[in-house]
Amino acid sequence: MLKKSICYWLKLAIILLFFNNAFAADPLGQLYWKTNEYPDETFLYNTTDQYNGAVASIDYACTQYAGSSGTYTNSVDMADSSINYPAEKAGYCLLQRPFFPGTFQGQLYYTYLYCNGEKRTMMNDSPCQQPLETYEPNRNFGPALCHTNQWQ
């Protein structure tokens, strides 16, 4: 009974590890944004948006930490230089203080364009291709059929 229980928990742990790693992987064959501060959070490149989806990446960072001197307004003020660099965007979290009218800039975040785990250069927003599979000669062949000590 104890052996069955151990096997059950071991199988469950292996399955959970597999799915945990599978969902944490970066999107393959697609352009996506991520910040240095939150590298596990990716946001897909979006051509219908003025900043191509970069605002969502910075907004996520702002929800984690917008700055210490106010309350995050759920708005991002993109830096002017963001228009000039297709693969690198910057934005400020917009904050408010009680009893003070208007908003002000909080934490500054940079988000970068990636393709297949590789950070793009500032000016490179060319389409992303699926990665080529690398050839591994011993992959998926299973265990060796003959062992040297088998016939002795």
N, C-alpha and C. Protein backbone atom coordinates (compact mmCIF):
# COMPACT_ATOMS: atom_id res chain seq x y z
N MET A 1 0.82 -1.19 0.00
CA MET A 1 0.00 0.00 0.00
C MET A 1 0.86 1.26 0.00
N LEU A 2 1.91 1.24 0.80
CA LEU A 2 2.81 2.39 0.87
C LEU A 2 3.50 2.61 -0.46
N LYS A 3 3.86 1.52 -1.14
CA LYS A 3 4.53 1.61 -2.43
C LYS A 3 3.61 2.25 -3.47
N LYS A 4 2.32 1.89 -3.49
CA LYS A 4 1.36 2.49 -4.41
C LYS A 4 1.21 3.98 -4.14
N SER A 5 1.16 4.33 -2.87
CA SER A 5 1.01 5.73 -2.49
C SER A 5 2.21 6.56 -2.94
N ILE A 6 3.40 6.01 -2.75
CA ILE A 6 4.62 6.72 -3.16
C ILE A 6 4.64 6.88 -4.68
N CYS A 7 4.28 5.81 -5.39
CA CYS A 7 4.25 5.88 -6.85
C CYS A 7 3.23 6.92 -7.33
N TYR A 8 2.08 6.94 -6.68
CA TYR A 8 1.05 7.92 -7.05
C TYR A 8 1.57 9.34 -6.89
N TRP A 9 2.16 9.65 -5.77
CA TRP A 9 2.65 11.01 -5.50
C TRP A 9 3.82 11.35 -6.41
N LEU A 10 4.65 10.38 -6.73
CA LEU A 10 5.77 10.61 -7.64
C LEU A 10 5.26 10.93 -9.04
N LYS A 11 4.29 10.18 -9.52
CA LYS A 11 3.70 10.45 -10.84
C LYS A 11 3.04 11.83 -10.87
N LEU A 12 2.32 12.15 -9.83
CA LEU A 12 1.66 13.45 -9.75
C LEU A 12 2.69 14.59 -9.77
N ALA A 13 3.77 14.42 -9.05
CA ALA A 13 4.82 15.45 -9.03
C ALA A 13 5.44 15.63 -10.41
N ILE A 14 5.68 14.54 -11.11
CA ILE A 14 6.27 14.62 -12.45
C ILE A 14 5.31 15.32 -13.41
N ILE A 15 4.03 14.99 -13.34
CA ILE A 15 3.04 15.63 -14.21
C ILE A 15 2.97 17.13 -13.91
N LEU A 16 2.93 17.50 -12.65
CA LEU A 16 2.87 18.91 -12.29
C LEU A 16 4.12 19.67 -12.75
N LEU A 17 5.27 19.06 -12.62
CA LEU A 17 6.49 19.69 -13.10
C LEU A 17 6.44 19.89 -14.61
N PHE A 18 5.95 18.91 -15.34
CA PHE A 18 5.85 19.02 -16.79
C PHE A 18 4.94 20.17 -17.18
N PHE A 19 3.73 20.22 -16.61
CA PHE A 19 2.79 21.28 -16.97
C PHE A 19 3.26 22.63 -16.49
N ASN A 20 3.89 22.71 -15.34
CA ASN A 20 4.39 23.97 -14.84
C ASN A 20 5.42 24.55 -15.81
N ASN A 21 6.34 23.74 -16.29
CA ASN A 21 7.35 24.20 -17.23
C ASN A 21 6.76 24.47 -18.61
N ALA A 22 5.75 23.70 -19.01
CA ALA A 22 5.17 23.88 -20.34
C ALA A 22 4.47 25.22 -20.45
N PHE A 23 3.78 25.66 -19.40
CA PHE A 23 3.05 26.91 -19.48
C PHE A 23 3.93 28.12 -19.22
N ALA A 24 5.09 27.94 -18.64
CA ALA A 24 5.98 29.06 -18.36
C ALA A 24 6.87 29.41 -19.54
N ALA A 25 6.85 28.59 -20.58
CA ALA A 25 7.73 28.81 -21.72
C ALA A 25 7.29 30.04 -22.51
N ASP A 26 8.26 30.68 -23.13
CA ASP A 26 7.98 31.83 -23.99
C ASP A 26 7.27 31.34 -25.25
N PRO A 27 6.42 32.19 -25.85
CA PRO A 27 5.72 31.79 -27.08
C PRO A 27 6.72 31.58 -28.22
N LEU A 28 6.63 30.46 -28.90
CA LEU A 28 7.53 30.17 -30.01
C LEU A 28 6.91 30.66 -31.32
N GLY A 29 7.74 31.26 -32.15
CA GLY A 29 7.28 31.71 -33.46
C GLY A 29 6.46 32.97 -33.42
N GLN A 30 6.43 33.67 -32.28
CA GLN A 30 5.65 34.90 -32.15
C GLN A 30 6.51 35.97 -31.48
N LEU A 31 6.27 37.21 -31.86
CA LEU A 31 6.91 38.33 -31.18
C LEU A 31 6.17 38.60 -29.88
N TYR A 32 6.91 38.94 -28.84
CA TYR A 32 6.28 39.23 -27.56
C TYR A 32 7.16 40.20 -26.77
N TRP A 33 6.54 40.87 -25.81
CA TRP A 33 7.19 41.86 -24.96
C TRP A 33 7.40 41.29 -23.57
N LYS A 34 8.49 41.70 -22.93
CA LYS A 34 8.65 41.45 -21.50
C LYS A 34 9.64 42.45 -20.91
N THR A 35 9.47 42.71 -19.62
CA THR A 35 10.34 43.64 -18.91
C THR A 35 11.44 42.85 -18.20
N ASN A 36 12.53 43.53 -17.90
CA ASN A 36 13.61 42.87 -17.16
C ASN A 36 13.18 42.52 -15.73
N GLU A 37 12.30 43.34 -15.17
CA GLU A 37 11.88 43.14 -13.78
C GLU A 37 10.96 41.92 -13.63
N TYR A 38 10.19 41.59 -14.66
CA TYR A 38 9.24 40.48 -14.60
C TYR A 38 9.41 39.60 -15.85
N PRO A 39 10.52 38.87 -15.93
CA PRO A 39 10.83 38.12 -17.16
C PRO A 39 9.91 36.93 -17.42
N ASP A 40 9.14 36.49 -16.44
CA ASP A 40 8.24 35.35 -16.66
C ASP A 40 6.91 35.77 -17.27
N GLU A 41 6.65 37.06 -17.33
CA GLU A 41 5.38 37.56 -17.87
C GLU A 41 5.60 38.07 -19.29
N THR A 42 4.94 37.44 -20.27
CA THR A 42 5.09 37.83 -21.67
C THR A 42 3.76 38.35 -22.20
N PHE A 43 3.85 39.29 -23.15
CA PHE A 43 2.67 39.91 -23.74
C PHE A 43 2.88 39.97 -25.24
N LEU A 44 1.93 39.42 -25.99
CA LEU A 44 2.10 39.29 -27.43
C LEU A 44 2.15 40.64 -28.14
N TYR A 45 2.94 40.68 -29.19
CA TYR A 45 3.05 41.82 -30.08
C TYR A 45 1.71 42.00 -30.77
N ASN A 46 1.23 43.23 -30.82
CA ASN A 46 -0.11 43.50 -31.36
C ASN A 46 -0.01 44.65 -32.35
N THR A 47 -0.20 44.38 -33.64
CA THR A 47 -0.02 45.42 -34.66
C THR A 47 -1.17 46.42 -34.69
N THR A 48 -2.29 46.14 -34.04
CA THR A 48 -3.42 47.07 -34.06
C THR A 48 -3.30 48.15 -32.99
N ASP A 49 -2.36 48.00 -32.10
CA ASP A 49 -2.16 48.94 -31.00
C ASP A 49 -1.08 49.96 -31.39
N GLN A 50 -1.18 51.19 -30.91
CA GLN A 50 -0.20 52.22 -31.25
C GLN A 50 1.22 51.82 -30.85
N TYR A 51 1.37 51.20 -29.72
CA TYR A 51 2.70 50.78 -29.25
C TYR A 51 2.89 49.26 -29.38
N ASN A 52 2.11 48.64 -30.23
CA ASN A 52 2.25 47.22 -30.59
C ASN A 52 2.17 46.27 -29.40
N GLY A 53 1.37 46.59 -28.42
CA GLY A 53 1.18 45.70 -27.27
C GLY A 53 2.12 45.93 -26.11
N ALA A 54 3.06 46.86 -26.25
CA ALA A 54 4.04 47.11 -25.19
C ALA A 54 3.39 47.71 -23.94
N VAL A 55 2.30 48.42 -24.11
CA VAL A 55 1.63 49.05 -22.96
C VAL A 55 1.17 47.98 -21.96
N ALA A 56 0.71 46.84 -22.46
CA ALA A 56 0.24 45.77 -21.57
C ALA A 56 1.38 45.25 -20.71
N SER A 57 2.57 45.15 -21.27
CA SER A 57 3.73 44.68 -20.51
C SER A 57 4.09 45.67 -19.40
N ILE A 58 4.10 46.94 -19.74
CA ILE A 58 4.42 47.97 -18.74
C ILE A 58 3.31 48.08 -17.70
N ASP A 59 2.06 47.96 -18.15
CA ASP A 59 0.93 48.01 -17.21
C ASP A 59 1.03 46.88 -16.19
N TYR A 60 1.43 45.68 -16.63
CA TYR A 60 1.59 44.59 -15.68
C TYR A 60 2.65 44.94 -14.64
N ALA A 61 3.78 45.49 -15.09
CA ALA A 61 4.84 45.88 -14.17
C ALA A 61 4.33 46.93 -13.19
N CYS A 62 3.53 47.86 -13.69
CA CYS A 62 2.99 48.91 -12.81
C CYS A 62 2.04 48.34 -11.76
N THR A 63 1.29 47.31 -12.11
CA THR A 63 0.40 46.72 -11.11
C THR A 63 1.19 46.02 -10.02
N GLN A 64 2.42 45.61 -10.32
CA GLN A 64 3.27 44.99 -9.31
C GLN A 64 3.94 46.03 -8.42
N TYR A 65 4.47 47.10 -9.06
CA TYR A 65 5.08 48.19 -8.29
C TYR A 65 5.06 49.44 -9.16
N ALA A 66 4.21 50.40 -8.79
CA ALA A 66 4.04 51.62 -9.59
C ALA A 66 4.89 52.77 -9.08
N GLY A 67 5.39 52.66 -7.89
CA GLY A 67 6.10 53.76 -7.26
C GLY A 67 5.59 53.90 -5.84
N SER A 68 6.36 54.55 -5.01
CA SER A 68 6.02 54.58 -3.59
C SER A 68 5.28 55.84 -3.16
N SER A 69 5.06 56.76 -4.05
CA SER A 69 4.50 58.04 -3.60
C SER A 69 3.09 58.31 -4.11
N GLY A 70 2.32 57.26 -4.38
CA GLY A 70 0.96 57.48 -4.83
C GLY A 70 0.26 56.17 -5.12
N THR A 71 -0.94 56.27 -5.69
CA THR A 71 -1.75 55.11 -6.05
C THR A 71 -1.79 54.99 -7.56
N TYR A 72 -1.57 53.78 -8.05
CA TYR A 72 -1.57 53.54 -9.51
C TYR A 72 -2.97 53.76 -10.07
N THR A 73 -3.04 54.51 -11.18
CA THR A 73 -4.31 54.86 -11.80
C THR A 73 -4.72 53.90 -12.92
N ASN A 74 -3.98 52.82 -13.11
CA ASN A 74 -4.20 51.88 -14.20
C ASN A 74 -3.99 52.51 -15.57
N SER A 75 -3.12 53.50 -15.61
CA SER A 75 -2.75 54.16 -16.86
C SER A 75 -1.24 54.24 -16.96
N VAL A 76 -0.76 54.19 -18.19
CA VAL A 76 0.68 54.26 -18.46
C VAL A 76 0.93 55.45 -19.37
N ASP A 77 1.95 56.24 -19.06
CA ASP A 77 2.38 57.36 -19.90
C ASP A 77 3.62 56.89 -20.66
N MET A 78 3.44 56.58 -21.95
CA MET A 78 4.56 56.09 -22.74
C MET A 78 5.54 57.23 -23.02
N ALA A 79 6.82 56.93 -22.91
CA ALA A 79 7.87 57.92 -23.17
C ALA A 79 7.88 58.27 -24.65
N ASP A 80 8.23 59.51 -24.97
CA ASP A 80 8.24 59.98 -26.36
C ASP A 80 9.17 59.16 -27.23
N SER A 81 10.26 58.67 -26.68
CA SER A 81 11.23 57.91 -27.47
C SER A 81 10.67 56.56 -27.92
N SER A 82 9.56 56.12 -27.34
CA SER A 82 8.99 54.82 -27.69
C SER A 82 8.52 54.75 -29.14
N ILE A 83 8.22 55.89 -29.72
CA ILE A 83 7.80 55.92 -31.13
C ILE A 83 8.98 55.59 -32.03
N ASN A 84 10.19 55.99 -31.64
CA ASN A 84 11.37 55.87 -32.50
C ASN A 84 11.99 54.48 -32.53
N TYR A 85 11.75 53.68 -31.51
CA TYR A 85 12.40 52.37 -31.42
C TYR A 85 11.34 51.27 -31.45
N PRO A 86 11.26 50.53 -32.56
CA PRO A 86 10.19 49.53 -32.67
C PRO A 86 10.31 48.36 -31.70
N ALA A 87 11.49 48.05 -31.21
CA ALA A 87 11.65 46.86 -30.36
C ALA A 87 11.99 47.20 -28.91
N GLU A 88 11.91 48.46 -28.54
CA GLU A 88 12.17 48.87 -27.17
C GLU A 88 11.24 50.02 -26.83
N LYS A 89 10.46 49.85 -25.79
CA LYS A 89 9.50 50.88 -25.37
C LYS A 89 9.72 51.20 -23.90
N ALA A 90 9.38 52.41 -23.54
CA ALA A 90 9.50 52.86 -22.15
C ALA A 90 8.21 53.56 -21.75
N GLY A 91 7.83 53.40 -20.49
CA GLY A 91 6.63 54.06 -20.02
C GLY A 91 6.65 54.25 -18.51
N TYR A 92 5.95 55.30 -18.09
CA TYR A 92 5.83 55.62 -16.67
C TYR A 92 4.47 55.17 -16.16
N CYS A 93 4.44 54.68 -14.95
CA CYS A 93 3.18 54.40 -14.27
C CYS A 93 2.60 55.74 -13.84
N LEU A 94 1.33 55.98 -14.14
CA LEU A 94 0.70 57.23 -13.70
C LEU A 94 0.08 57.03 -12.33
N LEU A 95 0.42 57.93 -11.43
CA LEU A 95 -0.01 57.84 -10.03
C LEU A 95 -0.89 59.02 -9.65
N GLN A 96 -1.63 58.85 -8.58
CA GLN A 96 -2.44 59.91 -7.98
C GLN A 96 -2.16 59.97 -6.50
N ARG A 97 -2.33 61.16 -5.95
CA ARG A 97 -2.26 61.33 -4.50
C ARG A 97 -3.60 61.87 -4.01
N PRO A 98 -4.00 61.42 -2.84
CA PRO A 98 -5.25 61.98 -2.30
C PRO A 98 -5.10 63.49 -2.06
N PHE A 99 -6.13 64.21 -2.35
CA PHE A 99 -6.22 65.66 -2.11
C PHE A 99 -5.37 66.48 -3.08
N PHE A 100 -4.75 65.84 -4.08
CA PHE A 100 -4.00 66.57 -5.11
C PHE A 100 -4.64 66.28 -6.46
N PRO A 101 -4.97 67.29 -7.23
CA PRO A 101 -5.61 67.05 -8.52
C PRO A 101 -4.60 66.52 -9.55
N GLY A 102 -5.09 65.73 -10.48
CA GLY A 102 -4.27 65.27 -11.59
C GLY A 102 -3.43 64.05 -11.25
N THR A 103 -2.61 63.68 -12.22
CA THR A 103 -1.74 62.51 -12.08
C THR A 103 -0.29 62.94 -12.24
N PHE A 104 0.61 62.09 -11.82
CA PHE A 104 2.04 62.35 -12.01
C PHE A 104 2.74 61.03 -12.31
N GLN A 105 3.94 61.14 -12.86
CA GLN A 105 4.68 59.95 -13.27
C GLN A 105 5.33 59.27 -12.08
N GLY A 106 5.20 57.94 -12.07
CA GLY A 106 5.82 57.12 -11.04
C GLY A 106 7.00 56.36 -11.61
N GLN A 107 7.04 55.07 -11.35
CA GLN A 107 8.14 54.19 -11.78
C GLN A 107 8.24 54.15 -13.31
N LEU A 108 9.46 54.17 -13.82
CA LEU A 108 9.74 54.03 -15.25
C LEU A 108 10.11 52.58 -15.54
N TYR A 109 9.45 51.98 -16.53
CA TYR A 109 9.75 50.61 -16.95
C TYR A 109 10.10 50.59 -18.43
N TYR A 110 11.01 49.72 -18.78
CA TYR A 110 11.35 49.45 -20.17
C TYR A 110 10.86 48.06 -20.50
N THR A 111 10.31 47.90 -21.68
CA THR A 111 9.91 46.58 -22.15
C THR A 111 10.59 46.33 -23.49
N TYR A 112 10.94 45.08 -23.73
CA TYR A 112 11.74 44.73 -24.90
C TYR A 112 11.03 43.66 -25.72
N LEU A 113 11.25 43.71 -27.02
CA LEU A 113 10.65 42.76 -27.93
C LEU A 113 11.53 41.51 -28.02
N TYR A 114 10.90 40.35 -27.96
CA TYR A 114 11.60 39.07 -28.00
C TYR A 114 11.01 38.20 -29.11
N CYS A 115 11.83 37.28 -29.58
CA CYS A 115 11.39 36.26 -30.53
C CYS A 115 12.11 34.96 -30.18
N ASN A 116 11.36 33.92 -29.87
CA ASN A 116 11.93 32.60 -29.53
C ASN A 116 12.99 32.68 -28.44
N GLY A 117 12.75 33.51 -27.43
CA GLY A 117 13.67 33.62 -26.30
C GLY A 117 14.84 34.56 -26.53
N GLU A 118 14.94 35.17 -27.70
CA GLU A 118 16.04 36.07 -28.02
C GLU A 118 15.54 37.52 -28.01
N LYS A 119 16.26 38.36 -27.28
CA LYS A 119 15.92 39.78 -27.24
C LYS A 119 16.29 40.43 -28.57
N ARG A 120 15.37 41.19 -29.15
CA ARG A 120 15.62 41.87 -30.41
C ARG A 120 16.40 43.16 -30.18
N THR A 121 17.11 43.61 -31.21
CA THR A 121 17.78 44.90 -31.13
C THR A 121 16.73 46.00 -31.23
N MET A 122 17.11 47.23 -30.87
CA MET A 122 16.16 48.33 -30.80
C MET A 122 15.31 48.54 -32.05
N MET A 123 15.91 48.34 -33.21
CA MET A 123 15.23 48.66 -34.46
C MET A 123 14.64 47.43 -35.16
N ASN A 124 14.73 46.26 -34.57
CA ASN A 124 14.32 45.03 -35.25
C ASN A 124 12.94 44.57 -34.78
N ASP A 125 11.93 44.83 -35.59
CA ASP A 125 10.61 44.29 -35.32
C ASP A 125 10.11 43.45 -36.49
N SER A 126 11.06 42.82 -37.19
CA SER A 126 10.71 41.95 -38.30
C SER A 126 9.95 40.73 -37.78
N PRO A 127 9.17 40.07 -38.64
CA PRO A 127 8.38 38.92 -38.18
C PRO A 127 9.25 37.82 -37.56
N CYS A 128 8.64 37.08 -36.67
CA CYS A 128 9.31 36.00 -35.95
C CYS A 128 8.99 34.68 -36.63
N GLN A 129 9.98 33.85 -36.83
CA GLN A 129 9.81 32.53 -37.46
C GLN A 129 9.85 31.45 -36.38
N GLN A 130 9.22 30.33 -36.65
CA GLN A 130 9.32 29.19 -35.75
C GLN A 130 10.78 28.75 -35.69
N PRO A 131 11.28 28.39 -34.52
CA PRO A 131 12.66 27.93 -34.44
C PRO A 131 12.82 26.58 -35.14
N LEU A 132 13.97 26.40 -35.76
CA LEU A 132 14.26 25.13 -36.41
C LEU A 132 14.65 24.11 -35.35
N GLU A 133 14.19 22.89 -35.53
CA GLU A 133 14.57 21.85 -34.58
C GLU A 133 16.03 21.48 -34.83
N THR A 134 16.75 21.32 -33.76
CA THR A 134 18.14 20.93 -33.89
C THR A 134 18.22 19.41 -33.99
N TYR A 135 19.13 18.94 -34.77
CA TYR A 135 19.30 17.50 -34.95
C TYR A 135 20.11 16.93 -33.80
N GLU A 136 19.55 15.95 -33.13
CA GLU A 136 20.23 15.25 -32.06
C GLU A 136 20.26 13.77 -32.43
N PRO A 137 21.41 13.23 -32.77
CA PRO A 137 21.48 11.87 -33.31
C PRO A 137 20.98 10.78 -32.35
N ASN A 138 21.05 10.98 -31.05
CA ASN A 138 20.65 9.93 -30.10
C ASN A 138 19.30 10.20 -29.46
N ARG A 139 18.53 11.09 -30.01
CA ARG A 139 17.25 11.47 -29.43
C ARG A 139 16.16 10.46 -29.78
N ASN A 140 15.37 10.09 -28.83
CA ASN A 140 14.19 9.25 -28.99
C ASN A 140 14.48 7.84 -29.50
N PHE A 141 15.63 7.31 -29.25
CA PHE A 141 15.92 5.95 -29.66
C PHE A 141 15.68 4.95 -28.52
N GLY A 142 15.46 5.43 -27.33
CA GLY A 142 15.22 4.54 -26.21
C GLY A 142 16.50 3.91 -25.70
N PRO A 143 16.39 2.94 -24.79
CA PRO A 143 17.59 2.32 -24.23
C PRO A 143 18.28 1.43 -25.26
N ALA A 144 19.55 1.21 -25.04
CA ALA A 144 20.33 0.34 -25.92
C ALA A 144 19.77 -1.08 -25.86
N LEU A 145 19.72 -1.76 -27.01
CA LEU A 145 19.17 -3.11 -27.06
C LEU A 145 20.13 -4.15 -26.51
N CYS A 146 21.41 -3.97 -26.76
CA CYS A 146 22.39 -4.94 -26.32
C CYS A 146 23.32 -4.31 -25.31
N HIS A 147 23.56 -5.01 -24.24
CA HIS A 147 24.51 -4.55 -23.23
C HIS A 147 25.75 -5.43 -23.35
N THR A 148 26.89 -4.91 -23.04
CA THR A 148 28.14 -5.66 -23.20
C THR A 148 28.20 -6.88 -22.31
N ASN A 149 27.57 -6.86 -21.14
CA ASN A 149 27.63 -7.98 -20.22
C ASN A 149 26.46 -8.94 -20.36
N GLN A 150 25.60 -8.72 -21.33
CA GLN A 150 24.36 -9.51 -21.44
C GLN A 150 24.63 -10.98 -21.75
N TRP A 151 25.61 -11.30 -22.59
CA TRP A 151 25.81 -12.68 -23.05
C TRP A 151 26.96 -13.37 -22.34
N GLN A 152 27.48 -12.82 -21.32
CA GLN A 152 28.60 -13.45 -20.63
C GLN A 152 28.16 -14.34 -19.51
